[in-house]
């Protein structure tokens, strides 16, 4: 191995007694299973490599070269300890140590698996993944709680966040944009908890969503017109229902000439336009100072000459500022919200307006909502794991104290097939939306046939 990226000359290392964990951990017992043996060796060798390798010098080296030279060191360390491994075991060990050194250890294979959407770590011995909406347990595990904590710290420190007893939970993101939430002791009773919502390397287009059966072509055509015609949209749904995926898909209809400002807690939107200004919140520092929340960023975004503002998720008092933006010339803005149906979504926004700290009556808040929001899109994850657009509803105004809505499209569930998949169909309700006439001002004409309940679009 080249000596220019070692902390000490190789001859000095050969003569020296291994330091750190190498002195404390004895030879792996013969009674261990191969996976246990390799796991223990991996953590041990990783610690020893940290003693030997100048990590900053690895930044400019290709992974293949690093792998070759790290492999040589691993062989020397194994010989030094008297460990005997076959070729397959050495290959597995080398790959695992490389993942530990350059990546996120046991999580790396899961992060590289494109079929996995979510990674859920419940303590160091239990890991679940979600594939196609269905959870399954995998054999991945960490050596111990300290090992898991080290990986969590590696994730959060890379984006300037921290997690410890004084700040036991954190939102962060991986370099590829994947969203991460971690919560540790004392709040996590049975071991640290880590949740990773993987970042799709290829954004799902509206056409792909049609192919997946998430919505019918007629609804997709109407949604495209809604975005191009600068209607304000709320995307409502439960956790993991696909709200951000839908927001990304809708954004593809935005004109390239428009300036978009995005605001998120953890940046994960994948807008394809060239003119996008991305803003991300900042948590308080160790002294409890320096926090920048979404409301601060929404207020600042209004000074950035945006054509549209896209708020990754509306959670609190920023709802009021978002409504103000929608009502003051930033038509075509979008956000997501956690709610079970369109009516609940409006009720939640009303509650959030109350969290702004301003003295606003319920009627006034509802009037703001009715004036600002044009369309509520309800997304759902069904019991078989499939995601569907359950409803497309239009807000039509106020009647007395109540916000009035009308449903334009909906998904009706009819039962299950022989293998347990949910069956159902999409249908138009027969109501022609008011925004169809408003869109004509943008040169967009929607065929009346799109809204006729002519037949069932089974999916």
Protein backbone atom coordinates (compact mmCIF):
# COMPACT_ATOMS: atom_id res chain seq x y z
CA UNK A 1 0.00 0.00 0.00
CA UNK A 2 1.20 3.51 -0.81
CA UNK A 3 2.72 5.24 2.19
CA UNK A 4 1.58 8.75 1.28
CA UNK A 5 -1.82 8.34 2.86
CA UNK A 6 -0.77 6.43 5.97
CA UNK A 7 -0.42 8.18 9.29
CA UNK A 8 2.81 6.30 10.00
CA UNK A 9 5.30 4.44 7.80
CA UNK A 10 4.27 0.80 7.20
CA UNK A 11 7.36 -0.63 8.92
CA UNK A 12 6.48 1.26 12.08
CA UNK A 13 2.92 -0.11 11.94
CA UNK A 14 4.17 -3.65 11.45
CA UNK A 15 6.28 -3.46 14.57
CA UNK A 16 3.75 -1.63 16.66
CA UNK A 17 1.13 -3.29 18.79
CA UNK A 18 -2.38 -2.59 17.38
CA UNK A 19 -4.00 0.17 19.39
CA UNK A 20 -7.54 1.05 20.44
CA UNK A 21 -10.17 -1.63 20.07
CA UNK A 22 -7.56 -4.04 18.72
CA UNK A 23 -6.09 -4.35 22.24
CA UNK A 24 -9.44 -4.81 23.93
CA UNK A 25 -11.22 -7.33 21.67
CA UNK A 26 -9.81 -10.84 21.83
CA UNK A 27 -9.81 -13.38 19.02
CA UNK A 28 -13.34 -14.19 17.82
CA UNK A 29 -14.50 -17.48 19.44
CA UNK A 30 -14.80 -20.56 17.21
CA UNK A 31 -18.39 -21.02 18.40
CA UNK A 32 -19.51 -17.84 16.56
CA UNK A 33 -21.54 -18.22 13.40
CA UNK A 34 -19.76 -16.92 10.28
CA UNK A 35 -21.96 -13.80 10.17
CA UNK A 36 -21.21 -13.03 13.83
CA UNK A 37 -17.51 -13.63 13.29
CA UNK A 38 -17.36 -11.37 10.25
CA UNK A 39 -19.38 -8.68 12.00
CA UNK A 40 -17.02 -8.64 14.98
CA UNK A 41 -13.96 -8.64 12.70
CA UNK A 42 -15.41 -5.87 10.56
CA UNK A 43 -15.85 -3.51 13.52
CA UNK A 44 -12.45 -4.44 14.93
CA UNK A 45 -10.60 -3.91 11.66
CA UNK A 46 -12.47 -0.68 11.00
CA UNK A 47 -11.15 0.73 14.28
CA UNK A 48 -7.64 -0.41 13.45
CA UNK A 49 -7.85 1.17 9.99
CA UNK A 50 -8.82 4.49 11.58
CA UNK A 51 -5.49 4.30 13.41
CA UNK A 52 -3.55 3.66 10.21
CA UNK A 53 -5.26 5.51 7.38
CA UNK A 54 -5.24 9.23 6.69
CA UNK A 55 -8.94 9.61 5.83
CA UNK A 56 -8.57 13.04 4.26
CA UNK A 57 -6.19 11.56 1.68
CA UNK A 58 -8.91 9.12 0.57
CA UNK A 59 -11.22 11.88 -0.62
CA UNK A 60 -9.51 12.21 -3.99
CA UNK A 61 -8.92 8.51 -4.59
CA UNK A 62 -11.23 6.37 -6.74
CA UNK A 63 -13.16 3.73 -4.80
CA UNK A 64 -11.53 0.87 -6.75
CA UNK A 65 -8.05 1.99 -5.71
CA UNK A 66 -9.15 2.47 -2.11
CA UNK A 67 -10.69 -1.02 -2.15
CA UNK A 68 -7.47 -2.59 -3.46
CA UNK A 69 -5.24 -0.91 -0.90
CA UNK A 70 -7.65 -1.39 2.01
CA UNK A 71 -7.89 -5.06 1.06
CA UNK A 72 -4.10 -5.38 1.36
CA UNK A 73 -4.19 -3.84 4.84
CA UNK A 74 -7.02 -6.17 5.88
CA UNK A 75 -4.99 -9.21 4.81
CA UNK A 76 -2.04 -7.98 6.88
CA UNK A 77 -4.24 -7.34 9.92
CA UNK A 78 -5.84 -10.79 9.65
CA UNK A 79 -2.43 -12.46 9.41
CA UNK A 80 -1.28 -10.43 12.39
CA UNK A 81 -4.22 -11.72 14.44
CA UNK A 82 -3.94 -15.28 13.17
CA UNK A 83 -7.44 -15.23 11.67
CA UNK A 84 -8.07 -17.68 8.83
CA UNK A 85 -10.80 -16.79 6.32
CA UNK A 86 -11.60 -18.28 2.94
CA UNK A 87 -11.73 -16.16 -0.23
CA UNK A 88 -15.49 -15.53 -0.04
CA UNK A 89 -15.30 -14.45 3.59
CA UNK A 90 -12.38 -12.13 2.86
CA UNK A 91 -14.33 -10.53 0.00
CA UNK A 92 -17.37 -10.01 2.22
CA UNK A 93 -15.19 -8.62 4.99
CA UNK A 94 -13.36 -6.24 2.64
CA UNK A 95 -16.62 -4.91 1.20
CA UNK A 96 -18.14 -4.47 4.67
CA UNK A 97 -15.08 -2.67 6.01
CA UNK A 98 -15.05 -0.41 2.96
CA UNK A 99 -18.72 0.41 3.56
CA UNK A 100 -17.90 1.09 7.22
CA UNK A 101 -14.97 3.33 6.31
CA UNK A 102 -16.50 5.29 3.41
CA UNK A 103 -20.23 4.78 3.89
CA UNK A 104 -22.81 3.85 6.49
CA UNK A 105 -21.70 0.34 7.37
CA UNK A 106 -24.47 -2.30 7.40
CA UNK A 107 -26.90 0.16 5.81
CA UNK A 108 -24.92 0.49 2.57
CA UNK A 109 -26.33 -2.62 0.81
CA UNK A 110 -29.86 -1.50 1.69
CA UNK A 111 -29.20 2.01 0.41
CA UNK A 112 -27.92 0.56 -2.87
CA UNK A 113 -30.99 -1.66 -3.33
CA UNK A 114 -33.34 0.32 -5.61
CA UNK A 115 -36.31 -1.89 -4.69
CA UNK A 116 -36.25 -0.58 -1.09
CA UNK A 117 -38.20 2.61 -0.28
CA UNK A 118 -37.76 2.82 3.49
CA UNK A 119 -35.19 1.50 5.98
CA UNK A 120 -36.37 1.21 9.59
CA UNK A 121 -33.85 0.36 12.32
CA UNK A 122 -35.38 -0.65 15.67
CA UNK A 123 -32.29 -1.08 17.82
CA UNK A 124 -29.00 -2.59 16.70
CA UNK A 125 -30.37 -6.10 16.08
CA UNK A 126 -33.61 -5.38 14.22
CA UNK A 127 -33.94 -3.84 10.76
CA UNK A 128 -37.04 -3.67 8.56
CA UNK A 129 -37.37 -2.42 4.98
CA UNK A 130 -40.34 -1.47 2.86
CA UNK A 131 -40.64 -2.78 -0.68
CA UNK A 132 -43.68 -1.86 -2.78
CA UNK A 133 -45.51 -0.66 0.29
CA UNK A 134 -44.97 -3.88 2.28
CA UNK A 135 -42.71 -4.14 5.35
CA UNK A 136 -40.32 -7.06 5.76
CA UNK A 137 -37.59 -7.90 8.25
CA UNK A 138 -34.03 -8.28 6.91
CA UNK A 139 -30.94 -9.95 8.35
CA UNK A 140 -28.97 -6.67 8.52
CA UNK A 141 -27.78 -5.77 12.02
CA UNK A 142 -25.16 -3.81 13.90
CA UNK A 143 -22.60 -5.21 16.33
CA UNK A 144 -24.00 -3.31 19.29
CA UNK A 145 -25.71 -0.08 20.30
CA UNK A 146 -22.43 1.88 20.10
CA UNK A 147 -21.98 0.73 16.51
CA UNK A 148 -25.48 1.95 15.59
CA UNK A 149 -24.92 5.27 17.40
CA UNK A 150 -21.67 5.79 15.50
CA UNK A 151 -23.49 5.40 12.18
CA UNK A 152 -26.24 7.80 13.30
CA UNK A 153 -23.64 10.39 14.35
CA UNK A 154 -21.92 10.00 11.00
CA UNK A 155 -25.18 10.79 9.20
CA UNK A 156 -26.23 13.81 11.24
CA UNK A 157 -22.79 15.40 11.59
CA UNK A 158 -22.45 15.50 7.80
CA UNK A 159 -25.28 18.06 7.64
CA UNK A 160 -24.29 20.02 10.73
CA UNK A 161 -26.83 18.41 13.04
CA UNK A 162 -26.27 16.60 16.32
CA UNK A 163 -27.99 13.95 18.41
CA UNK A 164 -27.25 13.19 22.06
CA UNK A 165 -28.95 13.10 25.46
CA UNK A 166 -29.63 16.82 25.42
CA UNK A 167 -30.99 16.70 21.85
CA UNK A 168 -32.20 13.10 21.48
CA UNK A 169 -33.99 13.31 18.13
CA UNK A 170 -33.03 14.84 14.82
CA UNK A 171 -34.07 15.18 11.18
CA UNK A 172 -31.26 15.01 8.64
CA UNK A 173 -30.57 13.88 5.10
CA UNK A 174 -28.04 11.76 3.27
CA UNK A 175 -25.87 13.19 0.48
CA UNK A 176 -28.29 11.78 -2.12
CA UNK A 177 -31.21 13.61 -0.49
CA UNK A 178 -32.72 10.66 1.39
CA UNK A 179 -34.64 11.79 4.46
CA UNK A 180 -33.42 10.58 7.85
CA UNK A 181 -34.97 10.68 11.31
CA UNK A 182 -33.10 9.40 14.36
CA UNK A 183 -34.13 9.19 18.00
CA UNK A 184 -31.84 7.92 20.76
CA UNK A 185 -31.81 7.26 24.51
CA UNK A 186 -33.44 8.30 26.80
CA UNK A 187 -36.43 8.78 24.48
CA UNK A 188 -35.82 5.52 22.61
CA UNK A 189 -36.24 2.96 25.39
CA UNK A 190 -35.12 -0.25 23.66
CA UNK A 191 -32.27 1.13 21.60
CA UNK A 192 -31.73 3.89 19.05
CA UNK A 193 -34.30 4.20 16.26
CA UNK A 194 -33.38 5.22 12.73
CA UNK A 195 -35.76 5.81 9.82
CA UNK A 196 -34.56 6.48 6.28
CA UNK A 197 -36.93 7.46 3.49
CA UNK A 198 -34.82 6.76 0.42
CA UNK A 199 -34.37 9.36 -2.26
CA UNK A 200 -35.40 8.11 -5.68
CA UNK A 201 -32.50 8.54 -8.09
CA UNK A 202 -35.00 8.89 -10.94
CA UNK A 203 -38.05 11.04 -10.12
CA UNK A 204 -41.33 9.30 -10.88
CA UNK A 205 -43.10 11.07 -13.72
CA UNK A 206 -46.84 11.46 -14.08
CA UNK A 207 -46.72 8.92 -16.91
CA UNK A 208 -45.05 6.37 -14.61
CA UNK A 209 -47.72 7.00 -12.00
CA UNK A 210 -50.38 6.25 -14.61
CA UNK A 211 -48.56 3.02 -15.51
CA UNK A 212 -48.41 2.05 -11.83
CA UNK A 213 -52.16 2.57 -11.56
CA UNK A 214 -51.89 5.46 -9.10
CA UNK A 215 -54.27 7.60 -11.15
CA UNK A 216 -56.05 7.47 -14.56
CA UNK A 217 -54.88 9.44 -17.64
CA UNK A 218 -57.93 11.72 -17.44
CA UNK A 219 -57.04 12.86 -13.94
CA UNK A 220 -53.39 13.33 -14.93
CA UNK A 221 -54.43 15.57 -17.82
CA UNK A 222 -56.55 17.70 -15.50
CA UNK A 223 -53.72 17.92 -12.94
CA UNK A 224 -51.31 19.10 -15.64
CA UNK A 225 -53.75 21.84 -16.60
CA UNK A 226 -54.22 22.83 -12.94
CA UNK A 227 -50.46 23.36 -12.50
CA UNK A 228 -49.92 25.12 -15.84
CA UNK A 229 -52.94 27.31 -15.05
CA UNK A 230 -51.37 28.36 -11.73
CA UNK A 231 -54.02 26.97 -9.38
CA UNK A 232 -52.94 26.62 -5.74
CA UNK A 233 -52.77 22.97 -4.69
CA UNK A 234 -52.74 21.15 -1.35
CA UNK A 235 -51.60 17.51 -1.43
CA UNK A 236 -53.07 15.64 1.52
CA UNK A 237 -52.31 12.13 2.76
CA UNK A 238 -50.93 9.92 5.49
CA UNK A 239 -47.31 9.06 6.25
CA UNK A 240 -45.69 7.21 3.35
CA UNK A 241 -48.65 7.75 1.04
CA UNK A 242 -46.57 9.42 -1.68
CA UNK A 243 -47.24 13.13 -1.13
CA UNK A 244 -43.70 14.23 -1.98
CA UNK A 245 -43.64 11.91 -5.01
CA UNK A 246 -46.83 13.55 -6.27
CA UNK A 247 -45.44 17.02 -5.57
CA UNK A 248 -42.37 16.19 -7.65
CA UNK A 249 -44.54 14.84 -10.48
CA UNK A 250 -46.79 17.92 -10.48
CA UNK A 251 -43.79 20.24 -10.57
CA UNK A 252 -42.80 18.92 -14.00
CA UNK A 253 -45.73 20.92 -15.46
CA UNK A 254 -44.31 24.25 -14.21
CA UNK A 255 -43.01 26.53 -16.94
CA UNK A 256 -39.21 26.67 -17.17
CA UNK A 257 -39.33 30.48 -17.20
CA UNK A 258 -40.81 30.71 -13.72
CA UNK A 259 -38.80 31.27 -10.54
CA UNK A 260 -39.59 28.65 -7.89
CA UNK A 261 -38.62 28.88 -4.22
CA UNK A 262 -38.79 25.61 -2.24
CA UNK A 263 -38.88 25.46 1.56
CA UNK A 264 -38.26 22.21 3.44
CA UNK A 265 -37.16 20.85 6.80
CA UNK A 266 -34.97 18.30 5.01
CA UNK A 267 -34.38 19.04 1.34
CA UNK A 268 -35.77 16.17 -0.73
CA UNK A 269 -37.77 17.72 -3.55
CA UNK A 270 -36.46 16.87 -7.04
CA UNK A 271 -37.62 19.75 -9.18
CA UNK A 272 -36.35 19.52 -12.75
CA UNK A 273 -36.56 23.23 -13.62
CA UNK A 274 -33.40 25.30 -13.93
CA UNK A 275 -34.59 28.31 -11.92
CA UNK A 276 -35.13 26.82 -8.45
CA UNK A 277 -34.02 28.45 -5.18
CA UNK A 278 -33.90 25.83 -2.40
CA UNK A 279 -34.22 26.78 1.26
CA UNK A 280 -33.87 24.48 4.27
CA UNK A 281 -34.65 25.08 7.94
CA UNK A 282 -31.95 25.08 10.62
CA UNK A 283 -32.33 23.61 14.12
CA UNK A 284 -31.13 25.46 17.23
CA UNK A 285 -27.50 25.06 18.26
CA UNK A 286 -26.28 23.49 21.49
CA UNK A 287 -27.19 26.69 23.34
CA UNK A 288 -30.73 26.65 21.95
CA UNK A 289 -30.07 29.59 19.62
CA UNK A 290 -29.89 30.13 15.89
CA UNK A 291 -33.03 28.23 14.87
CA UNK A 292 -34.57 29.12 11.51
CA UNK A 293 -38.01 27.56 11.04
CA UNK A 294 -40.28 27.21 8.04
CA UNK A 295 -42.25 30.30 8.93
CA UNK A 296 -39.10 32.41 8.87
CA UNK A 297 -38.23 31.02 5.46
CA UNK A 298 -41.71 31.57 4.01
CA UNK A 299 -41.52 35.23 5.08
CA UNK A 300 -38.06 35.53 3.55
CA UNK A 301 -39.15 33.78 0.35
CA UNK A 302 -41.67 36.56 -0.30
CA UNK A 303 -38.69 38.94 -0.67
CA UNK A 304 -36.99 36.70 -3.23
CA UNK A 305 -39.32 37.53 -6.14
CA UNK A 306 -40.78 34.02 -6.47
CA UNK A 307 -43.37 33.14 -9.09
CA UNK A 308 -44.32 30.09 -7.03
CA UNK A 309 -43.53 28.91 -3.52
CA UNK A 310 -43.43 25.18 -2.82
CA UNK A 311 -43.54 24.26 0.87
CA UNK A 312 -42.39 20.67 1.41
CA UNK A 313 -44.79 20.13 4.30
CA UNK A 314 -47.10 22.45 6.19
CA UNK A 315 -46.99 21.72 9.94
CA UNK A 316 -47.61 24.83 12.02
CA UNK A 317 -47.86 28.63 11.91
CA UNK A 318 -46.26 28.82 8.46
CA UNK A 319 -49.70 27.86 7.12
CA UNK A 320 -50.88 31.44 7.64
CA UNK A 321 -47.91 32.91 5.76
CA UNK A 322 -48.37 30.35 2.98
CA UNK A 323 -52.03 31.38 2.60
CA UNK A 324 -50.96 35.01 2.47
CA UNK A 325 -48.48 34.19 -0.28
CA UNK A 326 -51.14 32.33 -2.27
CA UNK A 327 -53.48 35.29 -1.88
CA UNK A 328 -50.95 37.95 -2.89
CA UNK A 329 -49.76 37.10 -6.37
CA UNK A 330 -47.95 33.80 -5.93
CA UNK A 331 -50.53 31.70 -7.72
CA UNK A 332 -49.58 28.12 -8.51
CA UNK A 333 -47.99 27.49 -5.13
CA UNK A 334 -48.14 24.02 -3.60
CA UNK A 335 -47.64 22.26 -0.28
CA UNK A 336 -48.36 18.93 1.43
CA UNK A 337 -50.19 18.19 4.66
CA UNK A 338 -50.91 15.13 6.80
CA UNK A 339 -54.66 14.43 6.74
CA UNK A 340 -57.02 11.53 6.04
CA UNK A 341 -59.38 13.28 3.65
CA UNK A 342 -59.82 16.68 1.93
CA UNK A 343 -62.17 18.04 4.58
CA UNK A 344 -59.75 17.08 7.36
CA UNK A 345 -56.94 18.78 5.41
CA UNK A 346 -58.81 22.10 5.52
CA UNK A 347 -59.55 21.64 9.22
CA UNK A 348 -55.86 21.02 9.91
CA UNK A 349 -54.85 24.14 7.98
CA UNK A 350 -57.35 26.12 10.07
CA UNK A 351 -55.75 24.74 13.23
CA UNK A 352 -52.29 25.66 11.95
CA UNK A 353 -53.41 29.21 11.22
CA UNK A 354 -54.39 29.36 14.90
CA UNK A 355 -50.81 28.30 15.76
CA UNK A 356 -49.45 31.44 14.08
CA UNK A 357 -50.07 33.42 17.26
CA UNK A 358 -52.30 35.95 15.50
CA UNK A 359 -55.76 36.80 16.76
CA UNK A 360 -57.85 35.49 13.85
CA UNK A 361 -61.43 34.30 14.13
CA UNK A 362 -62.41 30.88 12.79
CA UNK A 363 -64.54 32.46 10.06
CA UNK A 364 -61.72 34.75 8.97
CA UNK A 365 -59.29 31.79 8.82
CA UNK A 366 -61.74 29.80 6.72
CA UNK A 367 -62.25 32.73 4.40
CA UNK A 368 -58.49 32.95 3.90
CA UNK A 369 -58.35 29.22 3.13
CA UNK A 370 -61.26 29.37 0.70
CA UNK A 371 -59.73 32.33 -1.12
CA UNK A 372 -56.21 30.91 -1.31
CA UNK A 373 -56.59 27.19 -2.06
CA UNK A 374 -58.14 25.94 -5.29
CA UNK A 375 -57.56 22.19 -5.28
CA UNK A 376 -57.07 19.49 -2.64
CA UNK A 377 -55.53 16.25 -3.87
CA UNK A 378 -55.95 13.29 -1.50
CA UNK A 379 -53.31 10.54 -1.70
CA UNK A 380 -53.56 7.21 0.09
CA UNK A 381 -51.58 4.04 0.65
CA UNK A 382 -53.93 1.07 0.52
CA UNK A 383 -53.69 -2.00 2.73
CA UNK A 384 -51.87 -3.92 -0.03
CA UNK A 385 -49.15 -1.24 -0.17
CA UNK A 386 -50.25 0.41 -3.43
CA UNK A 387 -50.54 4.20 -3.59
CA UNK A 388 -53.58 5.81 -5.21
CA UNK A 389 -54.96 9.29 -5.76
CA UNK A 390 -58.17 8.85 -3.80
CA UNK A 391 -59.78 12.18 -4.57
CA UNK A 392 -59.39 15.40 -6.55
CA UNK A 393 -61.58 18.10 -5.01
CA UNK A 394 -62.13 21.76 -5.82
CA UNK A 395 -62.78 24.46 -3.22
CA UNK A 396 -65.65 26.61 -4.46
CA UNK A 397 -66.01 29.24 -1.73
CA UNK A 398 -67.92 29.79 1.53
CA UNK A 399 -71.50 29.19 2.59
CA UNK A 400 -72.07 30.78 5.97
CA UNK A 401 -69.33 29.40 8.25
CA UNK A 402 -68.47 26.45 6.01
CA UNK A 403 -65.92 26.07 3.21
CA UNK A 404 -67.63 24.50 0.22
CA UNK A 405 -65.99 21.79 -1.88
CA UNK A 406 -66.90 19.58 -4.80
CA UNK A 407 -65.26 16.30 -5.77
CA UNK A 408 -64.19 16.01 -9.40
CA UNK A 409 -62.53 12.55 -9.44
CA UNK A 410 -62.44 9.74 -6.89
CA UNK A 411 -61.26 6.18 -6.40
CA UNK A 412 -63.79 3.61 -5.25
CA UNK A 413 -62.58 0.42 -3.57
CA UNK A 414 -64.68 -2.66 -4.34
CA UNK A 415 -62.89 -5.46 -2.45
CA UNK A 416 -59.90 -7.77 -2.82
CA UNK A 417 -58.80 -10.27 -5.41
CA UNK A 418 -57.67 -13.86 -4.78
CA UNK A 419 -54.13 -12.82 -3.81
CA UNK A 420 -55.17 -10.04 -1.43
CA UNK A 421 -54.72 -7.01 -3.70
CA UNK A 422 -57.23 -4.21 -3.28
CA UNK A 423 -59.57 -3.87 -6.26
CA UNK A 424 -61.39 -0.73 -7.31
CA UNK A 425 -61.82 1.85 -10.02
CA UNK A 426 -61.39 5.56 -10.73
CA UNK A 427 -64.37 7.60 -11.80
CA UNK A 428 -65.31 11.15 -12.68
CA UNK A 429 -68.20 12.48 -10.59
CA UNK A 430 -69.77 14.30 -13.56
CA UNK A 431 -69.12 17.75 -12.06
CA UNK A 432 -67.36 20.22 -14.33
CA UNK A 433 -65.01 22.24 -12.09
CA UNK A 434 -65.12 26.01 -11.93
CA UNK A 435 -61.39 26.18 -12.58
CA UNK A 436 -61.99 24.76 -16.08
CA UNK A 437 -63.35 28.17 -17.12
CA UNK A 438 -60.62 30.03 -15.23
CA UNK A 439 -57.92 28.05 -17.04
CA UNK A 440 -59.11 29.38 -20.39
CA UNK A 441 -57.47 32.70 -19.45
CA UNK A 442 -54.16 30.79 -19.71
CA UNK A 443 -55.09 29.34 -23.08
CA UNK A 444 -55.87 25.95 -21.53
CA UNK A 445 -59.05 24.22 -22.64
CA UNK A 446 -60.17 21.03 -20.95
CA UNK A 447 -62.35 18.64 -22.92
CA UNK A 448 -65.76 18.33 -21.15
CA UNK A 449 -65.56 14.58 -21.84
CA UNK A 450 -62.86 14.33 -19.17
CA UNK A 451 -65.46 14.96 -16.48
CA UNK A 452 -68.22 12.70 -17.75
CA UNK A 453 -68.84 9.59 -15.61
CA UNK A 454 -69.00 7.52 -18.76
CA UNK A 455 -67.38 4.37 -17.45
CA UNK A 456 -65.20 2.83 -14.82
CA UNK A 457 -61.45 3.08 -15.18
CA UNK A 458 -60.50 -0.07 -13.28
CA UNK A 459 -57.07 -0.10 -11.63
